[in-house]
Amino acid sequence: MNPSYDGGAPPSPAGPVAGYPGGVPSAGAAVPPQAPAAAAPAASPASGDPARQALLDVRQEVGKAVVGQDSTVTGMLIALLCGGHVLLEGVPGVAKTLLVRALSKALSLDTKRVQFTPDLMPGDVTGSLVYDSHTSEFTFREGPVFTNILLADEINRTPPKTQASLLEAMEERQVSADGVSRPLPAPFIVAATQNPVEYEGTYPLPEAQLDRFLLKLTMPLPARDEEIEVIRRHAEGFDPRNLVAAGVNAVAGGSELDSARDKVAAVRVAPEILAYIVDVVRATRAAPSFQLGVSPRGATALLNTSKAWAWLSGRDFVTPDDVKALALPCLRHRVGLRPEAQMDGVQVDDVLGSILASVPVPR
């Protein structure tokens, strides 16, 4: 069962390393069947880190507005720590927009939302040159991409030309117009959403753009008890448009994020772990069900997210279980099923799970 979070105290950061087949792990969650649980590592000095504690407190704040999506919040935190982007997949009504707004509030970050539609133009996202009649000059008017967290709602409903306008912003953290490059605020990530069941009128994201996303997180429908809690909160007057009334407060900011990033960069990775990551990635290229395997960029992403998760778990070194825990959300959007595998009902996560079970784990 997917781990959940009810808004109370966050699970013990010194718990066992987690593996989570749907999104990303929550601290203290159990390792899935394909990743046998190892003994819980002793908490390192990093477990008392104020920056780490502040980021763990963010989940408690978001839990005041969003029920049962703790693993997705953890994934968003990992993306911020790694400076990567997130693809959120879930049916309408599972609080994707609310989660991003609550996370931004808890982290004191600016966020803007763009509803991607078939008639959306690139300049509507990145900004454009506007003629000023008073000065008789063209000035650049910034688009919504100039923010910390850009919520690209239903990104697959806009044509490829507009989707491509995001590539420079996602990769270079800048927007170029009229020969001038304008840097985006730091931190900057894109949280793009898409509906997994409705494909009419959509434009599938090309592989080059999918590969720019650090993680693909699935937001499941809530369990029965969680859905009862959602309804109870609404019955008591909860307004998802009023986060202040919900009690969501800023508990971290840019300084904590900067400090955390420095410490994540210092997490140690043994040569055996590096080889294990490469072996997992190379196995996707040889899998009979895949016509497209993971690129070296995917291997780098798996390395960086494993380091971030290790640090959030209170350690300054990466274990094989860290790699297993992040393998599915980090790799599932970077592979492509063969048509015959799709016809047989093969699921990407199942193939990746088999790969994790077959690749030898370093001891």
Foldseek 3Di string as FASTA:
>chain_A
DADWDQLPQAPQLQAWQEAGLFFFHGRNHHHDPLDHTDPRDDFDPLSPPPLLVLLSVLLSLLSLQATTPSRVSVVVLLCQLLLAAEEEEEAPPNCPVLSVVLSCQQAVWWEDEDEAAQPDALCQAAWAWDQDPVVRDTDTDGHRQQTAEYEYEAVQLYDPNNVVSCPCCLPVQWHDDPRDTGHHDPPHYYYYYHYPPDDPNTHDDDLVSLLRGQFYHYRYDDDPVRVVVVVVCVVVPDDSVDSVVSVRHHSHYDVSSVVLSVLLVQQDEDPLNLVLLVQLQVVQPVDPFWPFTADVSLSVSLVSSLSSSCSSSRHSYGAVSSSNNRVNGRTQSNIHGDPVCVVVVDHSSVSSSVSSSPRDGDD
